């Protein structure tokens, strides 16, 4: 997005997100089987739970990645910085380059997180519910593409107005 431009807002309701996550599961069902699912915390946890249910996956793991708000002085959750792995996935799932592992996130934005995950698990299948043009080449499956200058307002971030997290900064 060009400096000074306001992003387009794309609010997503719980109903819509659930439908989109189920649509992702349909697409993924043709590409399995998977031995485990790894949710990218935090945004990937909700879609990963839905996909795990739909695909009958019982081995559910997380990897905690921080990128938004990681830049010094940046507004939390609005500025993407360097990607940091805060908690890796378990060693057995990283073995064999993540072969048979499904990694799920909410959004592929710039592709920075996906590139980091691909380096850790080159044989895993990376899937997101939403993708922007810069992130698309770095993932294997997605459901909905939005423009690069679109800000997705996920249902867990919304009330009648934006709701900051209770704990403050992420």
C-alpha atoms as a PDB file:
ATOM      1  CA  UNK A   1       0.000   0.000   0.000  1.00  0.00           C
ATOM      2  CA  UNK A   2       1.255   3.473  -0.806  1.00  0.00           C
ATOM      3  CA  UNK A   3       2.207   5.686   2.154  1.00  0.00           C
ATOM      4  CA  UNK A   4      -0.617   7.936   3.287  1.00  0.00           C
ATOM      5  CA  UNK A   5      -3.384   5.798   1.739  1.00  0.00           C
ATOM      6  CA  UNK A   6      -6.117   4.401   3.949  1.00  0.00           C
ATOM      7  CA  UNK A   7      -6.658   0.646   3.680  1.00  0.00           C
ATOM      8  CA  UNK A   8      -9.941  -0.742   2.428  1.00  0.00           C
ATOM      9  CA  UNK A   9     -11.817  -2.339   5.307  1.00  0.00           C
ATOM     10  CA  UNK A  10     -13.228  -5.844   4.908  1.00  0.00           C
ATOM     11  CA  UNK A  11     -15.244  -6.858   7.985  1.00  0.00           C
ATOM     12  CA  UNK A  12     -15.760 -10.593   8.388  1.00  0.00           C
ATOM     13  CA  UNK A  13     -18.571 -11.933  10.590  1.00  0.00           C
ATOM     14  CA  UNK A  14     -18.339 -15.159  12.582  1.00  0.00           C
ATOM     15  CA  UNK A  15     -20.813 -16.778  10.184  1.00  0.00           C
ATOM     16  CA  UNK A  16     -18.832 -15.768   7.126  1.00  0.00           C
ATOM     17  CA  UNK A  17     -15.536 -16.836   8.677  1.00  0.00           C
ATOM     18  CA  UNK A  18     -16.960 -20.245   9.587  1.00  0.00           C
ATOM     19  CA  UNK A  19     -18.259 -20.722   6.025  1.00  0.00           C
ATOM     20  CA  UNK A  20     -14.880 -19.668   4.577  1.00  0.00           C
ATOM     21  CA  UNK A  21     -12.962 -21.999   6.917  1.00  0.00           C
ATOM     22  CA  UNK A  22     -15.248 -24.892   5.949  1.00  0.00           C
ATOM     23  CA  UNK A  23     -14.656 -24.039   2.275  1.00  0.00           C
ATOM     24  CA  UNK A  24     -10.928 -24.257   3.000  1.00  0.00           C
ATOM     25  CA  UNK A  25     -11.479 -27.698   4.549  1.00  0.00           C
ATOM     26  CA  UNK A  26     -13.311 -28.841   1.386  1.00  0.00           C
ATOM     27  CA  UNK A  27     -10.355 -27.790  -0.754  1.00  0.00           C
ATOM     28  CA  UNK A  28      -7.883 -29.434   1.611  1.00  0.00           C
ATOM     29  CA  UNK A  29      -9.826 -32.709   1.770  1.00  0.00           C
ATOM     30  CA  UNK A  30      -8.829 -33.403  -1.833  1.00  0.00           C
ATOM     31  CA  UNK A  31      -5.128 -32.927  -1.061  1.00  0.00           C
ATOM     32  CA  UNK A  32      -4.664 -35.037   2.099  1.00  0.00           C
ATOM     33  CA  UNK A  33      -4.259 -37.181   3.976  1.00  0.00           C
ATOM     34  CA  UNK A  34      -2.546 -35.215   6.709  1.00  0.00           C
ATOM     35  CA  UNK A  35      -0.988 -36.700   9.833  1.00  0.00           C
ATOM     36  CA  UNK A  36      -1.349 -33.489  11.879  1.00  0.00           C
ATOM     37  CA  UNK A  37      -2.425 -29.884  11.734  1.00  0.00           C
ATOM     38  CA  UNK A  38      -0.375 -26.939  12.959  1.00  0.00           C
ATOM     39  CA  UNK A  39      -2.257 -23.753  13.775  1.00  0.00           C
ATOM     40  CA  UNK A  40      -0.303 -20.539  13.400  1.00  0.00           C
ATOM     41  CA  UNK A  41      -1.036 -18.709  16.646  1.00  0.00           C
ATOM     42  CA  UNK A  42      -2.981 -16.605  17.022  1.00  0.00           C
ATOM     43  CA  UNK A  43      -4.919 -15.954  13.814  1.00  0.00           C
ATOM     44  CA  UNK A  44      -4.712 -19.524  12.561  1.00  0.00           C
ATOM     45  CA  UNK A  45      -6.144 -21.098  15.693  1.00  0.00           C
ATOM     46  CA  UNK A  46      -9.826 -20.580  14.827  1.00  0.00           C
ATOM     47  CA  UNK A  47      -9.625 -21.796  11.220  1.00  0.00           C
ATOM     48  CA  UNK A  48      -7.359 -24.694  12.258  1.00  0.00           C
ATOM     49  CA  UNK A  49      -9.954 -25.858  14.793  1.00  0.00           C
ATOM     50  CA  UNK A  50     -12.650 -25.787  12.119  1.00  0.00           C
ATOM     51  CA  UNK A  51     -10.461 -27.544   9.542  1.00  0.00           C
ATOM     52  CA  UNK A  52      -9.327 -30.165  12.100  1.00  0.00           C
ATOM     53  CA  UNK A  53     -12.961 -30.958  12.896  1.00  0.00           C
ATOM     54  CA  UNK A  54     -13.986 -31.162   9.243  1.00  0.00           C
ATOM     55  CA  UNK A  55     -11.041 -33.361   8.248  1.00  0.00           C
ATOM     56  CA  UNK A  56     -11.127 -35.554  11.369  1.00  0.00           C
ATOM     57  CA  UNK A  57      -7.622 -34.564  12.453  1.00  0.00           C
ATOM     58  CA  UNK A  58      -6.884 -35.267  16.117  1.00  0.00           C
ATOM     59  CA  UNK A  59      -3.221 -34.233  16.287  1.00  0.00           C
ATOM     60  CA  UNK A  60      -3.390 -30.470  16.635  1.00  0.00           C
ATOM     61  CA  UNK A  61      -0.274 -28.413  17.369  1.00  0.00           C
ATOM     62  CA  UNK A  62       0.565 -24.723  17.390  1.00  0.00           C
ATOM     63  CA  UNK A  63       3.448 -22.610  16.273  1.00  0.00           C
ATOM     64  CA  UNK A  64       3.541 -19.096  17.671  1.00  0.00           C
ATOM     65  CA  UNK A  65       4.705 -16.467  15.230  1.00  0.00           C
ATOM     66  CA  UNK A  66       4.837 -12.708  15.705  1.00  0.00           C
ATOM     67  CA  UNK A  67       5.117 -10.237  12.877  1.00  0.00           C
ATOM     68  CA  UNK A  68       2.457  -7.551  13.263  1.00  0.00           C
ATOM     69  CA  UNK A  69       3.503  -4.895  15.752  1.00  0.00           C
ATOM     70  CA  UNK A  70       6.961  -6.444  15.922  1.00  0.00           C
ATOM     71  CA  UNK A  71       8.555  -3.248  14.646  1.00  0.00           C
ATOM     72  CA  UNK A  72       9.814  -0.929  17.384  1.00  0.00           C
ATOM     73  CA  UNK A  73       7.432   1.988  17.798  1.00  0.00           C
ATOM     74  CA  UNK A  74       4.813   0.469  15.492  1.00  0.00           C
ATOM     75  CA  UNK A  75       1.147   0.454  16.343  1.00  0.00           C
ATOM     76  CA  UNK A  76       0.259  -3.051  17.552  1.00  0.00           C
ATOM     77  CA  UNK A  77      -1.494  -5.279  15.004  1.00  0.00           C
ATOM     78  CA  UNK A  78      -1.237  -2.747  12.157  1.00  0.00           C
ATOM     79  CA  UNK A  79       2.391  -2.683  11.051  1.00  0.00           C
ATOM     80  CA  UNK A  80       4.195  -5.799   9.930  1.00  0.00           C
ATOM     81  CA  UNK A  81       7.771  -6.173  11.123  1.00  0.00           C
ATOM     82  CA  UNK A  82      10.290  -8.994  11.242  1.00  0.00           C
ATOM     83  CA  UNK A  83       8.929 -12.490  11.783  1.00  0.00           C
ATOM     84  CA  UNK A  84       9.849 -14.097  15.090  1.00  0.00           C
ATOM     85  CA  UNK A  85       9.116 -17.683  16.145  1.00  0.00           C
ATOM     86  CA  UNK A  86       7.937 -17.409  19.744  1.00  0.00           C
ATOM     87  CA  UNK A  87       7.129 -21.142  20.106  1.00  0.00           C
ATOM     88  CA  UNK A  88       8.072 -23.751  17.527  1.00  0.00           C
ATOM     89  CA  UNK A  89       5.962 -26.726  16.562  1.00  0.00           C
ATOM     90  CA  UNK A  90       6.926 -30.024  18.194  1.00  0.00           C
ATOM     91  CA  UNK A  91      10.024 -31.816  16.925  1.00  0.00           C
ATOM     92  CA  UNK A  92       8.139 -34.847  15.498  1.00  0.00           C
ATOM     93  CA  UNK A  93       6.102 -32.557  13.242  1.00  0.00           C
ATOM     94  CA  UNK A  94       9.219 -30.738  12.065  1.00  0.00           C
ATOM     95  CA  UNK A  95      10.918 -34.035  11.207  1.00  0.00           C
ATOM     96  CA  UNK A  96      11.037 -34.897   7.518  1.00  0.00           C
ATOM     97  CA  UNK A  97      10.501 -31.225   6.722  1.00  0.00           C
ATOM     98  CA  UNK A  98       6.893 -31.383   7.905  1.00  0.00           C
ATOM     99  CA  UNK A  99       5.818 -34.054   5.405  1.00  0.00           C
ATOM    100  CA  UNK A 100       2.135 -34.840   5.922  1.00  0.00           C
ATOM    101  CA  UNK A 101       1.623 -31.759   8.099  1.00  0.00           C
ATOM    102  CA  UNK A 102      -1.058 -29.191   7.341  1.00  0.00           C
ATOM    103  CA  UNK A 103      -0.217 -25.657   8.507  1.00  0.00           C
ATOM    104  CA  UNK A 104      -3.196 -23.287   8.788  1.00  0.00           C
ATOM    105  CA  UNK A 105      -3.258 -19.509   9.205  1.00  0.00           C
ATOM    106  CA  UNK A 106      -5.951 -16.898   8.747  1.00  0.00           C
ATOM    107  CA  UNK A 107      -4.204 -14.733   6.145  1.00  0.00           C
ATOM    108  CA  UNK A 108      -1.217 -14.659   3.816  1.00  0.00           C
ATOM    109  CA  UNK A 109      -0.471 -10.927   3.668  1.00  0.00           C
ATOM    110  CA  UNK A 110       3.071 -10.163   2.512  1.00  0.00           C
ATOM    111  CA  UNK A 111       4.176 -13.800   2.614  1.00  0.00           C
ATOM    112  CA  UNK A 112       6.755 -13.144   5.354  1.00  0.00           C
ATOM    113  CA  UNK A 113       5.205 -15.591   7.824  1.00  0.00           C
ATOM    114  CA  UNK A 114       4.641 -18.199   5.111  1.00  0.00           C
ATOM    115  CA  UNK A 115       8.280 -17.927   3.980  1.00  0.00           C
ATOM    116  CA  UNK A 116       9.434 -18.481   7.562  1.00  0.00           C
ATOM    117  CA  UNK A 117       7.134 -21.477   7.957  1.00  0.00           C
ATOM    118  CA  UNK A 118       8.211 -22.897   4.597  1.00  0.00           C
ATOM    119  CA  UNK A 119      11.857 -22.695   5.706  1.00  0.00           C
ATOM    120  CA  UNK A 120      10.990 -24.684   8.866  1.00  0.00           C
ATOM    121  CA  UNK A 121       8.704 -27.187   7.136  1.00  0.00           C
ATOM    122  CA  UNK A 122       9.459 -27.262   3.405  1.00  0.00           C
ATOM    123  CA  UNK A 123       7.264 -30.335   2.816  1.00  0.00           C
ATOM    124  CA  UNK A 124       4.231 -29.169   4.817  1.00  0.00           C
ATOM    125  CA  UNK A 125       1.067 -27.964   3.114  1.00  0.00           C
ATOM    126  CA  UNK A 126       0.459 -24.274   3.922  1.00  0.00           C
ATOM    127  CA  UNK A 127      -3.143 -23.095   3.825  1.00  0.00           C
ATOM    128  CA  UNK A 128      -4.874 -19.834   4.684  1.00  0.00           C
ATOM    129  CA  UNK A 129      -8.458 -18.693   4.582  1.00  0.00           C
ATOM    130  CA  UNK A 130      -7.592 -15.366   2.942  1.00  0.00           C
ATOM    131  CA  UNK A 131      -4.674 -14.307   0.750  1.00  0.00           C
ATOM    132  CA  UNK A 132      -3.330 -11.069  -0.660  1.00  0.00           C
ATOM    133  CA  UNK A 133      -1.381 -10.972  -3.944  1.00  0.00           C
ATOM    134  CA  UNK A 134       2.029 -10.677  -2.226  1.00  0.00           C
ATOM    135  CA  UNK A 135       1.294 -13.683   0.000  1.00  0.00           C
ATOM    136  CA  UNK A 136      -0.303 -16.010  -2.587  1.00  0.00           C
ATOM    137  CA  UNK A 137       2.921 -17.407  -4.081  1.00  0.00           C
ATOM    138  CA  UNK A 138       4.071 -18.607  -0.652  1.00  0.00           C
ATOM    139  CA  UNK A 139       1.071 -20.770   0.259  1.00  0.00           C
ATOM    140  CA  UNK A 140      -0.454 -23.871  -1.268  1.00  0.00           C
ATOM    141  CA  UNK A 141      -4.195 -23.397  -0.711  1.00  0.00           C
ATOM    142  CA  UNK A 142      -6.502 -20.498   0.150  1.00  0.00           C
ATOM    143  CA  UNK A 143     -10.178 -19.617  -0.258  1.00  0.00           C
ATOM    144  CA  UNK A 144     -10.590 -15.880  -0.833  1.00  0.00           C
ATOM    145  CA  UNK A 145      -8.217 -13.322  -2.312  1.00  0.00           C
ATOM    146  CA  UNK A 146      -8.393  -9.682  -1.246  1.00  0.00           C
ATOM    147  CA  UNK A 147      -6.404  -6.747  -2.591  1.00  0.00           C
ATOM    148  CA  UNK A 148      -3.078  -5.865  -1.004  1.00  0.00           C
ATOM    149  CA  UNK A 149      -4.510  -2.600   0.337  1.00  0.00           C
ATOM    150  CA  UNK A 150      -7.357  -4.345   2.180  1.00  0.00           C
ATOM    151  CA  UNK A 151      -7.397  -4.663   5.970  1.00  0.00           C
ATOM    152  CA  UNK A 152      -9.445  -7.658   7.105  1.00  0.00           C
ATOM    153  CA  UNK A 153     -11.377  -7.078  10.313  1.00  0.00           C
ATOM    154  CA  UNK A 154     -11.622 -10.587  11.742  1.00  0.00           C
ATOM    155  CA  UNK A 155     -14.604 -11.402  13.963  1.00  0.00           C
ATOM    156  CA  UNK A 156     -12.426 -11.881  17.060  1.00  0.00           C
ATOM    157  CA  UNK A 157     -11.246  -8.265  16.693  1.00  0.00           C
ATOM    158  CA  UNK A 158     -14.720  -6.773  16.437  1.00  0.00           C
ATOM    159  CA  UNK A 159     -17.620  -5.883  18.686  1.00  0.00           C
ATOM    160  CA  UNK A 160     -19.987  -3.090  17.809  1.00  0.00           C
ATOM    161  CA  UNK A 161     -16.735  -1.172  17.398  1.00  0.00           C
ATOM    162  CA  UNK A 162     -13.089  -2.287  17.422  1.00  0.00           C
ATOM    163  CA  UNK A 163     -12.291  -4.025  20.690  1.00  0.00           C
ATOM    164  CA  UNK A 164      -8.666  -3.901  21.853  1.00  0.00           C
ATOM    165  CA  UNK A 165      -7.485  -7.098  23.592  1.00  0.00           C
ATOM    166  CA  UNK A 166      -8.188  -7.146  27.343  1.00  0.00           C
ATOM    167  CA  UNK A 167      -4.512  -7.795  28.073  1.00  0.00           C
ATOM    168  CA  UNK A 168      -3.446  -4.676  26.163  1.00  0.00           C
ATOM    169  CA  UNK A 169      -0.613  -5.046  23.702  1.00  0.00           C
ATOM    170  CA  UNK A 170      -0.424  -8.444  21.941  1.00  0.00           C
END
